[in-house]
């Protein structure tokens, strides 16, 4: 499996060395997803995927996290959705194995 650069709410940027899938999963699972400031970013190919904790009032069912996937090189267009912790872990695995954006037809588009 590929190595990926990961930054999260307990790091200061992408200056850390690339890590493997098992280490990334361990980091993700150890983050405090009850804190609205928690995030996890993972580079893949020419893009990245980001997970953010949702505010308590925005959680519907088990969809606790917002996921954003960068769609353009200007860093202003994202595919966004909400996912469960398990769905996030599945996406982390997918983007460790692939460099291209996967199926996002159920996502909506957001601009910064």
PDB file of N, CA and C in Angstrom:
ATOM      1  N   UNK A   1       0.849  -1.184   0.000  1.00  0.00           N
ATOM      2  CA  UNK A   1       0.000   0.000   0.000  1.00  0.00           C
ATOM      3  C   UNK A   1       0.892   1.242   0.000  1.00  0.00           C
ATOM      4  N   UNK A   2       0.397   2.324  -0.573  1.00  0.00           N
ATOM      5  CA  UNK A   2       1.154   3.573  -0.689  1.00  0.00           C
ATOM      6  C   UNK A   2       1.374   4.248   0.655  1.00  0.00           C
ATOM      7  N   UNK A   3       2.348   5.138   0.683  1.00  0.00           N
ATOM      8  CA  UNK A   3       2.526   6.048   1.812  1.00  0.00           C
ATOM      9  C   UNK A   3       1.805   7.343   1.466  1.00  0.00           C
ATOM     10  N   UNK A   4       1.278   8.015   2.464  1.00  0.00           N
ATOM     11  CA  UNK A   4       0.560   9.279   2.254  1.00  0.00           C
ATOM     12  C   UNK A   4       0.994  10.304   3.282  1.00  0.00           C
ATOM     13  N   UNK A   5       0.911  11.551   2.872  1.00  0.00           N
ATOM     14  CA  UNK A   5       1.149  12.641   3.807  1.00  0.00           C
ATOM     15  C   UNK A   5      -0.175  12.943   4.494  1.00  0.00           C
ATOM     16  N   UNK A   6      -0.116  13.057   5.811  1.00  0.00           N
ATOM     17  CA  UNK A   6      -1.313  13.274   6.623  1.00  0.00           C
ATOM     18  C   UNK A   6      -1.048  14.444   7.559  1.00  0.00           C
ATOM     19  N   UNK A   7      -2.038  15.294   7.698  1.00  0.00           N
ATOM     20  CA  UNK A   7      -2.011  16.356   8.703  1.00  0.00           C
ATOM     21  C   UNK A   7      -3.342  16.277   9.434  1.00  0.00           C
ATOM     22  N   UNK A   8      -3.308  16.547  10.721  1.00  0.00           N
ATOM     23  CA  UNK A   8      -4.539  16.481  11.510  1.00  0.00           C
ATOM     24  C   UNK A   8      -4.492  17.547  12.591  1.00  0.00           C
ATOM     25  N   UNK A   9      -5.542  17.625  13.364  1.00  0.00           N
ATOM     26  CA  UNK A   9      -5.689  18.705  14.338  1.00  0.00           C
ATOM     27  C   UNK A   9      -4.612  18.708  15.409  1.00  0.00           C
ATOM     28  N   UNK A  10      -3.818  17.668  15.515  1.00  0.00           N
ATOM     29  CA  UNK A  10      -2.745  17.640  16.504  1.00  0.00           C
ATOM     30  C   UNK A  10      -1.358  17.864  15.880  1.00  0.00           C
ATOM     31  N   UNK A  11      -1.305  18.195  14.568  1.00  0.00           N
ATOM     32  CA  UNK A  11      -0.039  18.496  13.900  1.00  0.00           C
ATOM     33  C   UNK A  11      -0.043  19.942  13.445  1.00  0.00           C
ATOM     34  N   UNK A  12       1.086  20.375  12.923  1.00  0.00           N
ATOM     35  CA  UNK A  12       1.207  21.769  12.478  1.00  0.00           C
ATOM     36  C   UNK A  12       1.287  21.906  10.962  1.00  0.00           C
ATOM     37  N   UNK A  13       1.192  20.834  10.198  1.00  0.00           N
ATOM     38  CA  UNK A  13       1.237  20.945   8.743  1.00  0.00           C
ATOM     39  C   UNK A  13       1.730  19.673   8.091  1.00  0.00           C
ATOM     40  N   UNK A  14       1.905  19.743   6.766  1.00  0.00           N
ATOM     41  CA  UNK A  14       2.326  18.585   5.992  1.00  0.00           C
ATOM     42  C   UNK A  14       3.835  18.367   6.024  1.00  0.00           C
ATOM     43  N   UNK A  15       4.544  18.950   6.966  1.00  0.00           N
ATOM     44  CA  UNK A  15       5.993  18.809   7.021  1.00  0.00           C
ATOM     45  C   UNK A  15       6.427  17.470   7.608  1.00  0.00           C
ATOM     46  N   UNK A  16       5.506  16.687   8.093  1.00  0.00           N
ATOM     47  CA  UNK A  16       5.820  15.387   8.665  1.00  0.00           C
ATOM     48  C   UNK A  16       6.047  14.373   7.548  1.00  0.00           C
ATOM     49  N   UNK A  17       6.818  13.330   7.805  1.00  0.00           N
ATOM     50  CA  UNK A  17       7.052  12.325   6.761  1.00  0.00           C
ATOM     51  C   UNK A  17       5.773  11.582   6.411  1.00  0.00           C
ATOM     52  N   UNK A  18       5.741  11.035   5.205  1.00  0.00           N
ATOM     53  CA  UNK A  18       4.600  10.227   4.784  1.00  0.00           C
ATOM     54  C   UNK A  18       4.493   8.996   5.676  1.00  0.00           C
ATOM     55  N   UNK A  19       3.261   8.536   5.845  1.00  0.00           N
ATOM     56  CA  UNK A  19       3.024   7.389   6.726  1.00  0.00           C
ATOM     57  C   UNK A  19       2.239   6.317   5.988  1.00  0.00           C
ATOM     58  N   UNK A  20       2.195   5.135   6.568  1.00  0.00           N
ATOM     59  CA  UNK A  20       1.452   4.026   5.998  1.00  0.00           C
ATOM     60  C   UNK A  20       0.014   4.001   6.483  1.00  0.00           C
ATOM     61  N   UNK A  21      -0.758   3.130   5.867  1.00  0.00           N
ATOM     62  CA  UNK A  21      -2.185   3.000   6.161  1.00  0.00           C
ATOM     63  C   UNK A  21      -2.458   2.685   7.633  1.00  0.00           C
ATOM     64  N   UNK A  22      -1.771   1.710   8.199  1.00  0.00           N
ATOM     65  CA  UNK A  22      -2.034   1.314   9.585  1.00  0.00           C
ATOM     66  C   UNK A  22      -1.804   2.464  10.555  1.00  0.00           C
ATOM     67  N   UNK A  23      -0.732   3.225  10.334  1.00  0.00           N
ATOM     68  CA  UNK A  23      -0.457   4.369  11.200  1.00  0.00           C
ATOM     69  C   UNK A  23      -1.511   5.461  11.024  1.00  0.00           C
ATOM     70  N   UNK A  24      -1.953   5.675   9.792  1.00  0.00           N
ATOM     71  CA  UNK A  24      -2.989   6.682   9.530  1.00  0.00           C
ATOM     72  C   UNK A  24      -4.295   6.317  10.238  1.00  0.00           C
ATOM     73  N   UNK A  25      -4.677   5.044  10.179  1.00  0.00           N
ATOM     74  CA  UNK A  25      -5.904   4.588  10.849  1.00  0.00           C
ATOM     75  C   UNK A  25      -5.776   4.779  12.357  1.00  0.00           C
ATOM     76  N   UNK A  26      -4.624   4.455  12.904  1.00  0.00           N
ATOM     77  CA  UNK A  26      -4.412   4.634  14.343  1.00  0.00           C
ATOM     78  C   UNK A  26      -4.562   6.109  14.731  1.00  0.00           C
ATOM     79  N   UNK A  27      -3.965   6.993  13.951  1.00  0.00           N
ATOM     80  CA  UNK A  27      -4.091   8.437  14.215  1.00  0.00           C
ATOM     81  C   UNK A  27      -5.555   8.848  14.148  1.00  0.00           C
ATOM     82  N   UNK A  28      -6.243   8.463  13.073  1.00  0.00           N
ATOM     83  CA  UNK A  28      -7.639   8.843  12.882  1.00  0.00           C
ATOM     84  C   UNK A  28      -8.500   8.381  14.056  1.00  0.00           C
ATOM     85  N   UNK A  29      -8.323   7.134  14.470  1.00  0.00           N
ATOM     86  CA  UNK A  29      -9.135   6.594  15.565  1.00  0.00           C
ATOM     87  C   UNK A  29      -8.834   7.258  16.903  1.00  0.00           C
ATOM     88  N   UNK A  30      -7.631   7.803  17.067  1.00  0.00           N
ATOM     89  CA  UNK A  30      -7.258   8.433  18.333  1.00  0.00           C
ATOM     90  C   UNK A  30      -7.624   9.915  18.407  1.00  0.00           C
ATOM     91  N   UNK A  31      -8.115  10.485  17.312  1.00  0.00           N
ATOM     92  CA  UNK A  31      -8.530  11.885  17.339  1.00  0.00           C
ATOM     93  C   UNK A  31      -9.853  12.010  18.095  1.00  0.00           C
ATOM     94  N   UNK A  32     -10.038  13.141  18.746  1.00  0.00           N
ATOM     95  CA  UNK A  32     -11.247  13.402  19.522  1.00  0.00           C
ATOM     96  C   UNK A  32     -12.333  13.964  18.610  1.00  0.00           C
ATOM     97  N   UNK A  33     -13.160  13.104  18.046  1.00  0.00           N
ATOM     98  CA  UNK A  33     -14.175  13.535  17.094  1.00  0.00           C
ATOM     99  C   UNK A  33     -15.365  14.213  17.759  1.00  0.00           C
ATOM    100  N   UNK A  34     -15.353  14.344  19.075  1.00  0.00           N
ATOM    101  CA  UNK A  34     -16.388  15.121  19.782  1.00  0.00           C
ATOM    102  C   UNK A  34     -16.018  16.594  19.861  1.00  0.00           C
ATOM    103  N   UNK A  35     -14.771  16.921  19.534  1.00  0.00           N
ATOM    104  CA  UNK A  35     -14.285  18.299  19.516  1.00  0.00           C
ATOM    105  C   UNK A  35     -14.516  18.861  18.115  1.00  0.00           C
ATOM    106  N   UNK A  36     -15.273  19.947  18.006  1.00  0.00           N
ATOM    107  CA  UNK A  36     -15.619  20.533  16.713  1.00  0.00           C
ATOM    108  C   UNK A  36     -14.406  21.054  15.945  1.00  0.00           C
ATOM    109  N   UNK A  37     -13.247  21.178  16.579  1.00  0.00           N
ATOM    110  CA  UNK A  37     -12.041  21.660  15.905  1.00  0.00           C
ATOM    111  C   UNK A  37     -11.179  20.526  15.358  1.00  0.00           C
ATOM    112  N   UNK A  38     -11.622  19.295  15.519  1.00  0.00           N
ATOM    113  CA  UNK A  38     -10.843  18.147  15.071  1.00  0.00           C
ATOM    114  C   UNK A  38     -10.958  17.985  13.560  1.00  0.00           C
ATOM    115  N   UNK A  39      -9.818  17.689  12.922  1.00  0.00           N
ATOM    116  CA  UNK A  39      -9.800  17.423  11.485  1.00  0.00           C
ATOM    117  C   UNK A  39      -8.693  16.434  11.147  1.00  0.00           C
ATOM    118  N   UNK A  40      -8.804  15.837   9.966  1.00  0.00           N
ATOM    119  CA  UNK A  40      -7.831  14.892   9.439  1.00  0.00           C
ATOM    120  C   UNK A  40      -7.763  15.129   7.942  1.00  0.00           C
ATOM    121  N   UNK A  41      -6.570  15.429   7.408  1.00  0.00           N
ATOM    122  CA  UNK A  41      -6.357  15.612   5.967  1.00  0.00           C
ATOM    123  C   UNK A  41      -5.382  14.561   5.479  1.00  0.00           C
ATOM    124  N   UNK A  42      -5.655  14.018   4.312  1.00  0.00           N
ATOM    125  CA  UNK A  42      -4.773  13.013   3.714  1.00  0.00           C
ATOM    126  C   UNK A  42      -4.594  13.336   2.237  1.00  0.00           C
ATOM    127  N   UNK A  43      -3.354  13.513   1.821  1.00  0.00           N
ATOM    128  CA  UNK A  43      -3.073  13.753   0.414  1.00  0.00           C
ATOM    129  C   UNK A  43      -3.198  12.455  -0.375  1.00  0.00           C
ATOM    130  N   UNK A  44      -3.623  12.574  -1.631  1.00  0.00           N
ATOM    131  CA  UNK A  44      -3.600  11.456  -2.576  1.00  0.00           C
ATOM    132  C   UNK A  44      -3.495  12.059  -3.971  1.00  0.00           C
ATOM    133  N   UNK A  45      -2.656  11.491  -4.812  1.00  0.00           N
ATOM    134  CA  UNK A  45      -2.486  12.030  -6.161  1.00  0.00           C
ATOM    135  C   UNK A  45      -2.235  13.520  -6.114  1.00  0.00           C
ATOM    136  N   UNK A  46      -3.034  14.293  -6.862  1.00  0.00           N
ATOM    137  CA  UNK A  46      -2.930  15.754  -6.886  1.00  0.00           C
ATOM    138  C   UNK A  46      -3.987  16.411  -6.016  1.00  0.00           C
ATOM    139  N   UNK A  47      -4.569  15.685  -5.112  1.00  0.00           N
ATOM    140  CA  UNK A  47      -5.686  16.181  -4.324  1.00  0.00           C
ATOM    141  C   UNK A  47      -5.513  15.811  -2.856  1.00  0.00           C
ATOM    142  N   UNK A  48      -6.557  16.039  -2.082  1.00  0.00           N
ATOM    143  CA  UNK A  48      -6.587  15.561  -0.696  1.00  0.00           C
ATOM    144  C   UNK A  48      -8.026  15.373  -0.253  1.00  0.00           C
ATOM    145  N   UNK A  49      -8.179  14.558   0.772  1.00  0.00           N
ATOM    146  CA  UNK A  49      -9.465  14.344   1.414  1.00  0.00           C
ATOM    147  C   UNK A  49      -9.354  14.870   2.841  1.00  0.00           C
ATOM    148  N   UNK A  50     -10.404  15.504   3.299  1.00  0.00           N
ATOM    149  CA  UNK A  50     -10.404  16.077   4.647  1.00  0.00           C
ATOM    150  C   UNK A  50     -11.672  15.665   5.379  1.00  0.00           C
ATOM    151  N   UNK A  51     -11.498  15.306   6.633  1.00  0.00           N
ATOM    152  CA  UNK A  51     -12.627  15.016   7.523  1.00  0.00           C
ATOM    153  C   UNK A  51     -12.635  16.053   8.622  1.00  0.00           C
ATOM    154  N   UNK A  52     -13.827  16.549   8.958  1.00  0.00           N
ATOM    155  CA  UNK A  52     -13.999  17.523  10.039  1.00  0.00           C
ATOM    156  C   UNK A  52     -15.119  17.040  10.951  1.00  0.00           C
ATOM    157  N   UNK A  53     -14.963  17.274  12.238  1.00  0.00           N
ATOM    158  CA  UNK A  53     -16.034  16.950  13.181  1.00  0.00           C
ATOM    159  C   UNK A  53     -17.206  17.893  12.945  1.00  0.00           C
ATOM    160  N   UNK A  54     -18.408  17.349  12.967  1.00  0.00           N
ATOM    161  CA  UNK A  54     -19.607  18.172  12.848  1.00  0.00           C
ATOM    162  C   UNK A  54     -20.016  18.698  14.220  1.00  0.00           C
ATOM    163  N   UNK A  55     -20.704  19.840  14.229  1.00  0.00           N
ATOM    164  CA  UNK A  55     -21.296  20.328  15.465  1.00  0.00           C
ATOM    165  C   UNK A  55     -22.401  19.369  15.874  1.00  0.00           C
ATOM    166  N   UNK A  56     -22.630  19.241  17.167  1.00  0.00           N
ATOM    167  CA  UNK A  56     -23.627  18.284  17.662  1.00  0.00           C
ATOM    168  C   UNK A  56     -24.973  18.443  16.983  1.00  0.00           C
ATOM    169  N   UNK A  57     -25.413  19.649  16.751  1.00  0.00           N
ATOM    170  CA  UNK A  57     -26.707  19.904  16.131  1.00  0.00           C
ATOM    171  C   UNK A  57     -26.762  19.534  14.660  1.00  0.00           C
ATOM    172  N   UNK A  58     -25.608  19.324  14.022  1.00  0.00           N
ATOM    173  CA  UNK A  58     -25.557  18.980  12.603  1.00  0.00           C
ATOM    174  C   UNK A  58     -25.454  17.482  12.354  1.00  0.00           C
ATOM    175  N   UNK A  59     -25.288  16.695  13.419  1.00  0.00           N
ATOM    176  CA  UNK A  59     -25.151  15.245  13.279  1.00  0.00           C
ATOM    177  C   UNK A  59     -26.529  14.631  13.042  1.00  0.00           C
ATOM    178  N   UNK A  60     -26.621  13.814  11.995  1.00  0.00           N
ATOM    179  CA  UNK A  60     -27.864  13.107  11.681  1.00  0.00           C
ATOM    180  C   UNK A  60     -27.544  11.613  11.680  1.00  0.00           C
ATOM    181  N   UNK A  61     -28.153  10.886  12.603  1.00  0.00           N
ATOM    182  CA  UNK A  61     -27.882   9.453  12.712  1.00  0.00           C
ATOM    183  C   UNK A  61     -26.422   9.210  13.062  1.00  0.00           C
ATOM    184  N   UNK A  62     -25.753   8.372  12.261  1.00  0.00           N
ATOM    185  CA  UNK A  62     -24.347   8.074  12.528  1.00  0.00           C
ATOM    186  C   UNK A  62     -23.409   8.920  11.668  1.00  0.00           C
ATOM    187  N   UNK A  63     -23.954   9.890  10.938  1.00  0.00           N
ATOM    188  CA  UNK A  63     -23.141  10.772  10.077  1.00  0.00           C
ATOM    189  C   UNK A  63     -22.530  11.871  10.930  1.00  0.00           C
ATOM    190  N   UNK A  64     -21.374  11.558  11.541  1.00  0.00           N
ATOM    191  CA  UNK A  64     -20.736  12.450  12.515  1.00  0.00           C
ATOM    192  C   UNK A  64     -19.694  13.375  11.929  1.00  0.00           C
ATOM    193  N   UNK A  65     -19.250  13.095  10.688  1.00  0.00           N
ATOM    194  CA  UNK A  65     -18.141  13.840  10.111  1.00  0.00           C
ATOM    195  C   UNK A  65     -18.516  14.445   8.771  1.00  0.00           C
ATOM    196  N   UNK A  66     -17.940  15.597   8.490  1.00  0.00           N
ATOM    197  CA  UNK A  66     -18.039  16.183   7.157  1.00  0.00           C
ATOM    198  C   UNK A  66     -16.804  15.737   6.392  1.00  0.00           C
ATOM    199  N   UNK A  67     -16.986  15.304   5.156  1.00  0.00           N
ATOM    200  CA  UNK A  67     -15.872  14.933   4.297  1.00  0.00           C
ATOM    201  C   UNK A  67     -15.838  15.912   3.129  1.00  0.00           C
ATOM    202  N   UNK A  68     -14.631  16.348   2.781  1.00  0.00           N
ATOM    203  CA  UNK A  68     -14.420  17.229   1.638  1.00  0.00           C
ATOM    204  C   UNK A  68     -13.279  16.661   0.803  1.00  0.00           C
ATOM    205  N   UNK A  69     -13.479  16.655  -0.513  1.00  0.00           N
ATOM    206  CA  UNK A  69     -12.447  16.202  -1.433  1.00  0.00           C
ATOM    207  C   UNK A  69     -12.153  17.352  -2.389  1.00  0.00           C
ATOM    208  N   UNK A  70     -10.902  17.750  -2.444  1.00  0.00           N
ATOM    209  CA  UNK A  70     -10.486  18.853  -3.311  1.00  0.00           C
ATOM    210  C   UNK A  70     -10.681  18.475  -4.769  1.00  0.00           C
ATOM    211  N   UNK A  71     -11.335  19.357  -5.543  1.00  0.00           N
ATOM    212  CA  UNK A  71     -11.622  19.064  -6.949  1.00  0.00           C
ATOM    213  C   UNK A  71     -10.823  19.899  -7.928  1.00  0.00           C
ATOM    214  N   UNK A  72     -10.185  20.979  -7.481  1.00  0.00           N
ATOM    215  CA  UNK A  72      -9.460  21.824  -8.428  1.00  0.00           C
ATOM    216  C   UNK A  72      -8.126  22.285  -7.852  1.00  0.00           C
ATOM    217  N   UNK A  73      -7.226  22.646  -8.753  1.00  0.00           N
ATOM    218  CA  UNK A  73      -5.887  23.055  -8.334  1.00  0.00           C
ATOM    219  C   UNK A  73      -5.865  24.422  -7.653  1.00  0.00           C
ATOM    220  N   UNK A  74      -6.931  25.197  -7.756  1.00  0.00           N
ATOM    221  CA  UNK A  74      -6.998  26.508  -7.106  1.00  0.00           C
ATOM    222  C   UNK A  74      -7.432  26.403  -5.646  1.00  0.00           C
ATOM    223  N   UNK A  75      -7.779  25.185  -5.211  1.00  0.00           N
ATOM    224  CA  UNK A  75      -8.169  24.909  -3.833  1.00  0.00           C
ATOM    225  C   UNK A  75      -9.407  25.688  -3.395  1.00  0.00           C
ATOM    226  N   UNK A  76     -10.373  25.832  -4.324  1.00  0.00           N
ATOM    227  CA  UNK A  76     -11.612  26.521  -3.961  1.00  0.00           C
ATOM    228  C   UNK A  76     -12.857  25.661  -4.187  1.00  0.00           C
ATOM    229  N   UNK A  77     -12.741  24.547  -4.914  1.00  0.00           N
ATOM    230  CA  UNK A  77     -13.893  23.715  -5.249  1.00  0.00           C
ATOM    231  C   UNK A  77     -13.732  22.337  -4.607  1.00  0.00           C
ATOM    232  N   UNK A  78     -14.752  21.948  -3.840  1.00  0.00           N
ATOM    233  CA  UNK A  78     -14.711  20.689  -3.102  1.00  0.00           C
ATOM    234  C   UNK A  78     -15.998  19.902  -3.314  1.00  0.00           C
ATOM    235  N   UNK A  79     -15.881  18.576  -3.319  1.00  0.00           N
ATOM    236  CA  UNK A  79     -17.039  17.695  -3.205  1.00  0.00           C
ATOM    237  C   UNK A  79     -17.206  17.447  -1.711  1.00  0.00           C
ATOM    238  N   UNK A  80     -18.415  17.592  -1.205  1.00  0.00           N
ATOM    239  CA  UNK A  80     -18.634  17.483   0.246  1.00  0.00           C
ATOM    240  C   UNK A  80     -19.833  16.597   0.549  1.00  0.00           C
ATOM    241  N   UNK A  81     -19.764  15.964   1.710  1.00  0.00           N
ATOM    242  CA  UNK A  81     -20.853  15.119   2.191  1.00  0.00           C
ATOM    243  C   UNK A  81     -20.652  14.898   3.684  1.00  0.00           C
ATOM    244  N   UNK A  82     -21.535  14.128   4.289  1.00  0.00           N
ATOM    245  CA  UNK A  82     -21.349  13.710   5.676  1.00  0.00           C
ATOM    246  C   UNK A  82     -21.226  12.196   5.693  1.00  0.00           C
ATOM    247  N   UNK A  83     -20.397  11.702   6.612  1.00  0.00           N
ATOM    248  CA  UNK A  83     -20.130  10.264   6.679  1.00  0.00           C
ATOM    249  C   UNK A  83     -20.033   9.817   8.130  1.00  0.00           C
ATOM    250  N   UNK A  84     -20.188   8.521   8.316  1.00  0.00           N
ATOM    251  CA  UNK A  84     -19.969   7.915   9.626  1.00  0.00           C
ATOM    252  C   UNK A  84     -18.468   7.673   9.822  1.00  0.00           C
ATOM    253  N   UNK A  85     -18.091   7.336  11.028  1.00  0.00           N
ATOM    254  CA  UNK A  85     -16.694   6.996  11.309  1.00  0.00           C
ATOM    255  C   UNK A  85     -16.255   5.828  10.430  1.00  0.00           C
ATOM    256  N   UNK A  86     -17.088   4.797  10.310  1.00  0.00           N
ATOM    257  CA  UNK A  86     -16.722   3.634   9.485  1.00  0.00           C
ATOM    258  C   UNK A  86     -16.582   4.017   8.014  1.00  0.00           C
ATOM    259  N   UNK A  87     -17.480   4.845   7.519  1.00  0.00           N
ATOM    260  CA  UNK A  87     -17.369   5.297   6.123  1.00  0.00           C
ATOM    261  C   UNK A  87     -16.092   6.097   5.919  1.00  0.00           C
ATOM    262  N   UNK A  88     -15.719   6.904   6.908  1.00  0.00           N
ATOM    263  CA  UNK A  88     -14.467   7.662   6.827  1.00  0.00           C
ATOM    264  C   UNK A  88     -13.280   6.713   6.756  1.00  0.00           C
ATOM    265  N   UNK A  89     -13.285   5.681   7.577  1.00  0.00           N
ATOM    266  CA  UNK A  89     -12.190   4.700   7.541  1.00  0.00           C
ATOM    267  C   UNK A  89     -12.129   4.000   6.190  1.00  0.00           C
ATOM    268  N   UNK A  90     -13.281   3.706   5.599  1.00  0.00           N
ATOM    269  CA  UNK A  90     -13.308   3.104   4.264  1.00  0.00           C
ATOM    270  C   UNK A  90     -12.714   4.061   3.228  1.00  0.00           C
ATOM    271  N   UNK A  91     -13.023   5.347   3.345  1.00  0.00           N
ATOM    272  CA  UNK A  91     -12.467   6.342   2.422  1.00  0.00           C
ATOM    273  C   UNK A  91     -10.952   6.500   2.612  1.00  0.00           C
ATOM    274  N   UNK A  92     -10.499   6.470   3.852  1.00  0.00           N
ATOM    275  CA  UNK A  92      -9.059   6.540   4.104  1.00  0.00           C
ATOM    276  C   UNK A  92      -8.365   5.385   3.390  1.00  0.00           C
ATOM    277  N   UNK A  93      -8.909   4.194   3.518  1.00  0.00           N
ATOM    278  CA  UNK A  93      -8.312   3.034   2.846  1.00  0.00           C
ATOM    279  C   UNK A  93      -8.334   3.214   1.333  1.00  0.00           C
ATOM    280  N   UNK A  94      -9.483   3.624   0.796  1.00  0.00           N
ATOM    281  CA  UNK A  94      -9.602   3.811  -0.652  1.00  0.00           C
ATOM    282  C   UNK A  94      -8.524   4.769  -1.159  1.00  0.00           C
ATOM    283  N   UNK A  95      -8.352   5.890  -0.463  1.00  0.00           N
ATOM    284  CA  UNK A  95      -7.405   6.896  -0.938  1.00  0.00           C
ATOM    285  C   UNK A  95      -5.955   6.576  -0.569  1.00  0.00           C
ATOM    286  N   UNK A  96      -5.724   5.541   0.187  1.00  0.00           N
ATOM    287  CA  UNK A  96      -4.372   4.993   0.305  1.00  0.00           C
ATOM    288  C   UNK A  96      -4.065   4.125  -0.909  1.00  0.00           C
ATOM    289  N   UNK A  97      -5.096   3.524  -1.465  1.00  0.00           N
ATOM    290  CA  UNK A  97      -4.916   2.606  -2.585  1.00  0.00           C
ATOM    291  C   UNK A  97      -5.042   3.269  -3.956  1.00  0.00           C
ATOM    292  N   UNK A  98      -5.628   4.452  -4.029  1.00  0.00           N
ATOM    293  CA  UNK A  98      -5.902   5.118  -5.308  1.00  0.00           C
ATOM    294  C   UNK A  98      -5.408   6.562  -5.296  1.00  0.00           C
ATOM    295  N   UNK A  99      -4.986   7.022  -6.466  1.00  0.00           N
ATOM    296  CA  UNK A  99      -4.541   8.410  -6.621  1.00  0.00           C
ATOM    297  C   UNK A  99      -5.584   9.288  -7.301  1.00  0.00           C
ATOM    298  N   UNK A 100      -6.646   8.680  -7.817  1.00  0.00           N
ATOM    299  CA  UNK A 100      -7.694   9.418  -8.509  1.00  0.00           C
ATOM    300  C   UNK A 100      -8.934   9.523  -7.622  1.00  0.00           C
ATOM    301  N   UNK A 101      -9.728  10.574  -7.845  1.00  0.00           N
ATOM    302  CA  UNK A 101     -10.965  10.760  -7.096  1.00  0.00           C
ATOM    303  C   UNK A 101     -11.942   9.655  -7.462  1.00  0.00           C
ATOM    304  N   UNK A 102     -12.542   9.047  -6.454  1.00  0.00           N
ATOM    305  CA  UNK A 102     -13.497   7.957  -6.653  1.00  0.00           C
ATOM    306  C   UNK A 102     -14.900   8.476  -6.915  1.00  0.00           C
ATOM    307  N   UNK A 103     -15.881   7.623  -6.685  1.00  0.00           N
ATOM    308  CA  UNK A 103     -17.294   7.926  -6.925  1.00  0.00           C
ATOM    309  C   UNK A 103     -17.791   9.005  -5.960  1.00  0.00           C
ATOM    310  N   UNK A 104     -18.209  10.134  -6.511  1.00  0.00           N
ATOM    311  CA  UNK A 104     -18.667  11.255  -5.668  1.00  0.00           C
ATOM    312  C   UNK A 104     -20.025  11.779  -6.127  1.00  0.00           C
ATOM    313  N   UNK A 105     -20.789  10.997  -6.872  1.00  0.00           N
ATOM    314  CA  UNK A 105     -22.064  11.487  -7.403  1.00  0.00           C
ATOM    315  C   UNK A 105     -23.064  11.849  -6.300  1.00  0.00           C
ATOM    316  N   UNK A 106     -22.928  11.263  -5.120  1.00  0.00           N
ATOM    317  CA  UNK A 106     -23.834  11.580  -4.008  1.00  0.00           C
ATOM    318  C   UNK A 106     -23.379  12.795  -3.206  1.00  0.00           C
ATOM    319  N   UNK A 107     -22.221  13.346  -3.529  1.00  0.00           N
ATOM    320  CA  UNK A 107     -21.688  14.515  -2.845  1.00  0.00           C
ATOM    321  C   UNK A 107     -22.251  15.776  -3.485  1.00  0.00           C
ATOM    322  N   UNK A 108     -22.212  16.883  -2.755  1.00  0.00           N
ATOM    323  CA  UNK A 108     -22.575  18.164  -3.334  1.00  0.00           C
ATOM    324  C   UNK A 108     -21.294  18.999  -3.484  1.00  0.00           C
ATOM    325  N   UNK A 109     -21.369  20.041  -4.297  1.00  0.00           N
ATOM    326  CA  UNK A 109     -20.197  20.878  -4.556  1.00  0.00           C
ATOM    327  C   UNK A 109     -20.240  22.104  -3.654  1.00  0.00           C
ATOM    328  N   UNK A 110     -19.089  22.417  -3.053  1.00  0.00           N
ATOM    329  CA  UNK A 110     -18.949  23.622  -2.233  1.00  0.00           C
ATOM    330  C   UNK A 110     -17.747  24.412  -2.728  1.00  0.00           C
ATOM    331  N   UNK A 111     -17.806  25.726  -2.522  1.00  0.00           N
ATOM    332  CA  UNK A 111     -16.714  26.613  -2.877  1.00  0.00           C
ATOM    333  C   UNK A 111     -16.276  27.385  -1.637  1.00  0.00           C
ATOM    334  N   UNK A 112     -14.988  27.615  -1.551  1.00  0.00           N
ATOM    335  CA  UNK A 112     -14.487  28.416  -0.413  1.00  0.00           C
ATOM    336  C   UNK A 112     -14.575  29.878  -0.782  1.00  0.00           C
TER     337      UNK A 112
END
